[in-house]
Amino acid sequence: MDQQLLIDAVNQTMPFGKYAGRKLLTLPEPYLVWFHKQGFPQGKLGEQLALMYEVKLNGLEGMLKPLLK
């Protein structure tokens, strides 16, 4: 995986919904689980949300917090 893709995903801001304005890494796990069940949006945002779902599922968010800008 390209390191820049991970950095971009961690620092992407949620553009809509209940958590609009929050960084994807800081989204609550239940919200990402809901997206996983409903289907992630198409495109780059969906890919980034799916990546954050995997990060949270595997307990890796603490390791990625230093990447937040």
PDB file of N, CA and C in Angstrom:
ATOM      1  N   MET A   1       0.846  -1.191   0.000  1.00  0.00           N
ATOM      2  CA  MET A   1       0.000   0.000   0.000  1.00  0.00           C
ATOM      3  C   MET A   1       0.880   1.240   0.000  1.00  0.00           C
ATOM      4  N   ASP A   2       0.466   2.210  -0.747  1.00  0.00           N
ATOM      5  CA  ASP A   2       1.167   3.475  -0.818  1.00  0.00           C
ATOM      6  C   ASP A   2       0.974   4.229   0.503  1.00  0.00           C
ATOM      7  N   GLN A   3       2.071   4.658   1.099  1.00  0.00           N
ATOM      8  CA  GLN A   3       2.026   5.353   2.390  1.00  0.00           C
ATOM      9  C   GLN A   3       1.178   6.624   2.313  1.00  0.00           C
ATOM     10  N   GLN A   4       1.271   7.335   1.191  1.00  0.00           N
ATOM     11  CA  GLN A   4       0.508   8.576   1.052  1.00  0.00           C
ATOM     12  C   GLN A   4      -0.995   8.319   1.048  1.00  0.00           C
ATOM     13  N   LEU A   5      -1.437   7.195   0.500  1.00  0.00           N
ATOM     14  CA  LEU A   5      -2.864   6.856   0.519  1.00  0.00           C
ATOM     15  C   LEU A   5      -3.363   6.701   1.951  1.00  0.00           C
ATOM     16  N   LEU A   6      -2.553   6.085   2.792  1.00  0.00           N
ATOM     17  CA  LEU A   6      -2.919   5.908   4.195  1.00  0.00           C
ATOM     18  C   LEU A   6      -2.967   7.255   4.913  1.00  0.00           C
ATOM     19  N   ILE A   7      -1.968   8.089   4.692  1.00  0.00           N
ATOM     20  CA  ILE A   7      -1.935   9.422   5.307  1.00  0.00           C
ATOM     21  C   ILE A   7      -3.143  10.238   4.860  1.00  0.00           C
ATOM     22  N   ASP A   8      -3.462  10.184   3.568  1.00  0.00           N
ATOM     23  CA  ASP A   8      -4.619  10.918   3.043  1.00  0.00           C
ATOM     24  C   ASP A   8      -5.921  10.419   3.665  1.00  0.00           C
ATOM     25  N   ALA A   9      -6.061   9.108   3.813  1.00  0.00           N
ATOM     26  CA  ALA A   9      -7.280   8.536   4.391  1.00  0.00           C
ATOM     27  C   ALA A   9      -7.434   8.945   5.851  1.00  0.00           C
ATOM     28  N   VAL A  10      -6.355   8.897   6.599  1.00  0.00           N
ATOM     29  CA  VAL A  10      -6.388   9.264   8.019  1.00  0.00           C
ATOM     30  C   VAL A  10      -6.819  10.720   8.183  1.00  0.00           C
ATOM     31  N   ASN A  11      -6.375  11.579   7.283  1.00  0.00           N
ATOM     32  CA  ASN A  11      -6.630  13.017   7.400  1.00  0.00           C
ATOM     33  C   ASN A  11      -7.826  13.516   6.588  1.00  0.00           C
ATOM     34  N   GLN A  12      -8.495  12.624   5.873  1.00  0.00           N
ATOM     35  CA  GLN A  12      -9.690  13.019   5.117  1.00  0.00           C
ATOM     36  C   GLN A  12     -10.794  13.435   6.082  1.00  0.00           C
ATOM     37  N   THR A  13     -11.490  14.493   5.753  1.00  0.00           N
ATOM     38  CA  THR A  13     -12.607  14.967   6.562  1.00  0.00           C
ATOM     39  C   THR A  13     -13.902  14.373   6.025  1.00  0.00           C
ATOM     40  N   MET A  14     -14.731  13.887   6.926  1.00  0.00           N
ATOM     41  CA  MET A  14     -16.037  13.338   6.536  1.00  0.00           C
ATOM     42  C   MET A  14     -16.886  14.481   5.986  1.00  0.00           C
ATOM     43  N   PRO A  15     -17.331  14.386   4.723  1.00  0.00           N
ATOM     44  CA  PRO A  15     -18.025  15.511   4.102  1.00  0.00           C
ATOM     45  C   PRO A  15     -19.524  15.598   4.375  1.00  0.00           C
ATOM     46  N   PHE A  16     -20.125  14.564   4.952  1.00  0.00           N
ATOM     47  CA  PHE A  16     -21.582  14.583   5.132  1.00  0.00           C
ATOM     48  C   PHE A  16     -21.974  13.754   6.346  1.00  0.00           C
ATOM     49  N   GLY A  17     -23.251  13.866   6.699  1.00  0.00           N
ATOM     50  CA  GLY A  17     -23.810  13.019   7.745  1.00  0.00           C
ATOM     51  C   GLY A  17     -23.586  13.534   9.151  1.00  0.00           C
ATOM     52  N   LYS A  18     -23.912  12.693  10.077  1.00  0.00           N
ATOM     53  CA  LYS A  18     -23.854  13.016  11.505  1.00  0.00           C
ATOM     54  C   LYS A  18     -22.461  13.467  11.944  1.00  0.00           C
ATOM     55  N   TYR A  19     -21.436  12.918  11.314  1.00  0.00           N
ATOM     56  CA  TYR A  19     -20.064  13.208  11.716  1.00  0.00           C
ATOM     57  C   TYR A  19     -19.324  14.079  10.699  1.00  0.00           C
ATOM     58  N   ALA A  20     -20.057  14.865   9.952  1.00  0.00           N
ATOM     59  CA  ALA A  20     -19.444  15.771   8.976  1.00  0.00           C
ATOM     60  C   ALA A  20     -18.433  16.667   9.684  1.00  0.00           C
ATOM     61  N   GLY A  21     -17.279  16.828   9.049  1.00  0.00           N
ATOM     62  CA  GLY A  21     -16.240  17.692   9.606  1.00  0.00           C
ATOM     63  C   GLY A  21     -15.205  16.959  10.440  1.00  0.00           C
ATOM     64  N   ARG A  22     -15.458  15.695  10.765  1.00  0.00           N
ATOM     65  CA  ARG A  22     -14.491  14.927  11.557  1.00  0.00           C
ATOM     66  C   ARG A  22     -13.546  14.164  10.643  1.00  0.00           C
ATOM     67  N   LYS A  23     -12.324  13.979  11.115  1.00  0.00           N
ATOM     68  CA  LYS A  23     -11.351  13.164  10.383  1.00  0.00           C
ATOM     69  C   LYS A  23     -11.825  11.717  10.387  1.00  0.00           C
ATOM     70  N   LEU A  24     -11.587  11.013   9.291  1.00  0.00           N
ATOM     71  CA  LEU A  24     -12.061   9.633   9.175  1.00  0.00           C
ATOM     72  C   LEU A  24     -11.507   8.746  10.284  1.00  0.00           C
ATOM     73  N   LEU A  25     -10.273   8.975  10.701  1.00  0.00           N
ATOM     74  CA  LEU A  25      -9.689   8.151  11.760  1.00  0.00           C
ATOM     75  C   LEU A  25     -10.436   8.311  13.078  1.00  0.00           C
ATOM     76  N   THR A  26     -11.085   9.449  13.280  1.00  0.00           N
ATOM     77  CA  THR A  26     -11.777   9.698  14.548  1.00  0.00           C
ATOM     78  C   THR A  26     -13.248   9.286  14.524  1.00  0.00           C
ATOM     79  N   LEU A  27     -13.715   8.744  13.405  1.00  0.00           N
ATOM     80  CA  LEU A  27     -15.114   8.296  13.338  1.00  0.00           C
ATOM     81  C   LEU A  27     -15.320   7.114  14.289  1.00  0.00           C
ATOM     82  N   PRO A  28     -16.460   7.049  14.950  1.00  0.00           N
ATOM     83  CA  PRO A  28     -16.732   5.917  15.845  1.00  0.00           C
ATOM     84  C   PRO A  28     -16.837   4.602  15.063  1.00  0.00           C
ATOM     85  N   GLU A  29     -16.353   3.548  15.674  1.00  0.00           N
ATOM     86  CA  GLU A  29     -16.384   2.234  15.026  1.00  0.00           C
ATOM     87  C   GLU A  29     -17.796   1.804  14.628  1.00  0.00           C
ATOM     88  N   PRO A  30     -18.828   2.010  15.466  1.00  0.00           N
ATOM     89  CA  PRO A  30     -20.182   1.603  15.051  1.00  0.00           C
ATOM     90  C   PRO A  30     -20.650   2.293  13.762  1.00  0.00           C
ATOM     91  N   TYR A  31     -20.222   3.515  13.546  1.00  0.00           N
ATOM     92  CA  TYR A  31     -20.577   4.237  12.312  1.00  0.00           C
ATOM     93  C   TYR A  31     -19.943   3.550  11.103  1.00  0.00           C
ATOM     94  N   LEU A  32     -18.688   3.153  11.236  1.00  0.00           N
ATOM     95  CA  LEU A  32     -18.009   2.453  10.149  1.00  0.00           C
ATOM     96  C   LEU A  32     -18.589   1.061   9.928  1.00  0.00           C
ATOM     97  N   VAL A  33     -18.998   0.402  11.002  1.00  0.00           N
ATOM     98  CA  VAL A  33     -19.652  -0.906  10.878  1.00  0.00           C
ATOM     99  C   VAL A  33     -20.964  -0.750  10.121  1.00  0.00           C
ATOM    100  N   TRP A  34     -21.704   0.313  10.415  1.00  0.00           N
ATOM    101  CA  TRP A  34     -22.960   0.578   9.706  1.00  0.00           C
ATOM    102  C   TRP A  34     -22.692   0.728   8.203  1.00  0.00           C
ATOM    103  N   PHE A  35     -21.666   1.515   7.851  1.00  0.00           N
ATOM    104  CA  PHE A  35     -21.317   1.661   6.438  1.00  0.00           C
ATOM    105  C   PHE A  35     -20.940   0.323   5.825  1.00  0.00           C
ATOM    106  N   HIS A  36     -20.207  -0.482   6.569  1.00  0.00           N
ATOM    107  CA  HIS A  36     -19.794  -1.795   6.076  1.00  0.00           C
ATOM    108  C   HIS A  36     -21.011  -2.652   5.738  1.00  0.00           C
ATOM    109  N   LYS A  37     -22.028  -2.592   6.584  1.00  0.00           N
ATOM    110  CA  LYS A  37     -23.244  -3.374   6.357  1.00  0.00           C
ATOM    111  C   LYS A  37     -24.091  -2.801   5.222  1.00  0.00           C
ATOM    112  N   GLN A  38     -24.167  -1.471   5.137  1.00  0.00           N
ATOM    113  CA  GLN A  38     -25.010  -0.805   4.136  1.00  0.00           C
ATOM    114  C   GLN A  38     -24.330  -0.685   2.780  1.00  0.00           C
ATOM    115  N   GLY A  39     -23.021  -0.671   2.807  1.00  0.00           N
ATOM    116  CA  GLY A  39     -22.232  -0.453   1.596  1.00  0.00           C
ATOM    117  C   GLY A  39     -21.563   0.904   1.652  1.00  0.00           C
ATOM    118  N   PHE A  40     -20.274   0.900   1.405  1.00  0.00           N
ATOM    119  CA  PHE A  40     -19.524   2.158   1.406  1.00  0.00           C
ATOM    120  C   PHE A  40     -19.865   2.945   0.144  1.00  0.00           C
ATOM    121  N   PRO A  41     -19.773   4.277   0.205  1.00  0.00           N
ATOM    122  CA  PRO A  41     -20.023   5.087  -0.994  1.00  0.00           C
ATOM    123  C   PRO A  41     -19.037   4.720  -2.105  1.00  0.00           C
ATOM    124  N   GLN A  42     -19.393   5.021  -3.319  1.00  0.00           N
ATOM    125  CA  GLN A  42     -18.512   4.782  -4.459  1.00  0.00           C
ATOM    126  C   GLN A  42     -17.353   5.776  -4.426  1.00  0.00           C
ATOM    127  N   GLY A  43     -16.256   5.403  -5.029  1.00  0.00           N
ATOM    128  CA  GLY A  43     -15.136   6.322  -5.215  1.00  0.00           C
ATOM    129  C   GLY A  43     -14.135   6.328  -4.077  1.00  0.00           C
ATOM    130  N   LYS A  44     -13.338   7.379  -4.099  1.00  0.00           N
ATOM    131  CA  LYS A  44     -12.220   7.507  -3.160  1.00  0.00           C
ATOM    132  C   LYS A  44     -12.685   7.522  -1.705  1.00  0.00           C
ATOM    133  N   LEU A  45     -13.745   8.260  -1.406  1.00  0.00           N
ATOM    134  CA  LEU A  45     -14.233   8.322  -0.033  1.00  0.00           C
ATOM    135  C   LEU A  45     -14.635   6.940   0.469  1.00  0.00           C
ATOM    136  N   GLY A  46     -15.313   6.182  -0.353  1.00  0.00           N
ATOM    137  CA  GLY A  46     -15.711   4.831   0.033  1.00  0.00           C
ATOM    138  C   GLY A  46     -14.512   3.944   0.320  1.00  0.00           C
ATOM    139  N   GLU A  47     -13.484   4.070  -0.507  1.00  0.00           N
ATOM    140  CA  GLU A  47     -12.256   3.298  -0.289  1.00  0.00           C
ATOM    141  C   GLU A  47     -11.592   3.705   1.020  1.00  0.00           C
ATOM    142  N   GLN A  48     -11.587   5.000   1.299  1.00  0.00           N
ATOM    143  CA  GLN A  48     -10.982   5.488   2.537  1.00  0.00           C
ATOM    144  C   GLN A  48     -11.787   5.035   3.754  1.00  0.00           C
ATOM    145  N   LEU A  49     -13.100   5.074   3.669  1.00  0.00           N
ATOM    146  CA  LEU A  49     -13.932   4.601   4.776  1.00  0.00           C
ATOM    147  C   LEU A  49     -13.732   3.102   5.013  1.00  0.00           C
ATOM    148  N   ALA A  50     -13.617   2.341   3.942  1.00  0.00           N
ATOM    149  CA  ALA A  50     -13.373   0.903   4.065  1.00  0.00           C
ATOM    150  C   ALA A  50     -12.025   0.649   4.732  1.00  0.00           C
ATOM    151  N   LEU A  51     -11.031   1.455   4.394  1.00  0.00           N
ATOM    152  CA  LEU A  51      -9.715   1.326   5.022  1.00  0.00           C
ATOM    153  C   LEU A  51      -9.803   1.644   6.512  1.00  0.00           C
ATOM    154  N   MET A  52     -10.522   2.705   6.870  1.00  0.00           N
ATOM    155  CA  MET A  52     -10.666   3.059   8.290  1.00  0.00           C
ATOM    156  C   MET A  52     -11.442   1.986   9.044  1.00  0.00           C
ATOM    157  N   TYR A  53     -12.394   1.352   8.383  1.00  0.00           N
ATOM    158  CA  TYR A  53     -13.116   0.230   8.992  1.00  0.00           C
ATOM    159  C   TYR A  53     -12.133  -0.882   9.348  1.00  0.00           C
ATOM    160  N   GLU A  54     -11.255  -1.223   8.419  1.00  0.00           N
ATOM    161  CA  GLU A  54     -10.265  -2.275   8.673  1.00  0.00           C
ATOM    162  C   GLU A  54      -9.295  -1.869   9.771  1.00  0.00           C
ATOM    163  N   VAL A  55      -8.899  -0.610   9.792  1.00  0.00           N
ATOM    164  CA  VAL A  55      -8.000  -0.099  10.829  1.00  0.00           C
ATOM    165  C   VAL A  55      -8.650  -0.273  12.199  1.00  0.00           C
ATOM    166  N   LYS A  56      -9.892   0.163  12.331  1.00  0.00           N
ATOM    167  CA  LYS A  56     -10.599   0.065  13.618  1.00  0.00           C
ATOM    168  C   LYS A  56     -10.857  -1.389  14.001  1.00  0.00           C
ATOM    169  N   LEU A  57     -11.247  -2.195  13.031  1.00  0.00           N
ATOM    170  CA  LEU A  57     -11.534  -3.600  13.278  1.00  0.00           C
ATOM    171  C   LEU A  57     -10.315  -4.324  13.845  1.00  0.00           C
ATOM    172  N   ASN A  58      -9.144  -3.929  13.392  1.00  0.00           N
ATOM    173  CA  ASN A  58      -7.909  -4.579  13.819  1.00  0.00           C
ATOM    174  C   ASN A  58      -7.190  -3.838  14.939  1.00  0.00           C
ATOM    175  N   GLY A  59      -7.829  -2.799  15.492  1.00  0.00           N
ATOM    176  CA  GLY A  59      -7.266  -2.091  16.634  1.00  0.00           C
ATOM    177  C   GLY A  59      -5.997  -1.314  16.337  1.00  0.00           C
ATOM    178  N   LEU A  60      -5.890  -0.765  15.135  1.00  0.00           N
ATOM    179  CA  LEU A  60      -4.657  -0.084  14.729  1.00  0.00           C
ATOM    180  C   LEU A  60      -4.738   1.435  14.786  1.00  0.00           C
ATOM    181  N   GLU A  61      -5.858   1.976  15.241  1.00  0.00           N
ATOM    182  CA  GLU A  61      -5.999   3.435  15.185  1.00  0.00           C
ATOM    183  C   GLU A  61      -4.989   4.159  16.051  1.00  0.00           C
ATOM    184  N   GLY A  62      -4.622   3.591  17.196  1.00  0.00           N
ATOM    185  CA  GLY A  62      -3.623   4.230  18.054  1.00  0.00           C
ATOM    186  C   GLY A  62      -2.287   4.386  17.357  1.00  0.00           C
ATOM    187  N   MET A  63      -1.951   3.428  16.540  1.00  0.00           N
ATOM    188  CA  MET A  63      -0.691   3.462  15.810  1.00  0.00           C
ATOM    189  C   MET A  63      -0.704   4.563  14.727  1.00  0.00           C
ATOM    190  N   LEU A  64      -1.902   4.894  14.236  1.00  0.00           N
ATOM    191  CA  LEU A  64      -2.009   5.879  13.158  1.00  0.00           C
ATOM    192  C   LEU A  64      -2.277   7.294  13.645  1.00  0.00           C
ATOM    193  N   LYS A  65      -2.593   7.479  14.912  1.00  0.00           N
ATOM    194  CA  LYS A  65      -2.884   8.834  15.424  1.00  0.00           C
ATOM    195  C   LYS A  65      -1.765   9.827  15.187  1.00  0.00           C
ATOM    196  N   PRO A  66      -0.485   9.416  15.241  1.00  0.00           N
ATOM    197  CA  PRO A  66       0.574  10.402  14.941  1.00  0.00           C
ATOM    198  C   PRO A  66       0.515  10.947  13.513  1.00  0.00           C
ATOM    199  N   LEU A  67      -0.206  10.310  12.628  1.00  0.00           N
ATOM    200  CA  LEU A  67      -0.319  10.784  11.248  1.00  0.00           C
ATOM    201  C   LEU A  67      -1.348  11.896  11.080  1.00  0.00           C
ATOM    202  N   LEU A  68      -2.181  12.127  12.101  1.00  0.00           N
ATOM    203  CA  LEU A  68      -3.202  13.180  12.021  1.00  0.00           C
ATOM    204  C   LEU A  68      -2.549  14.547  11.947  1.00  0.00           C
ATOM    205  N   LYS A  69      -3.070  15.384  11.068  1.00  0.00           N
ATOM    206  CA  LYS A  69      -2.561  16.755  10.924  1.00  0.00           C
ATOM    207  C   LYS A  69      -3.540  17.734  11.505  1.00  0.00           C
TER     208      LYS A  69
END
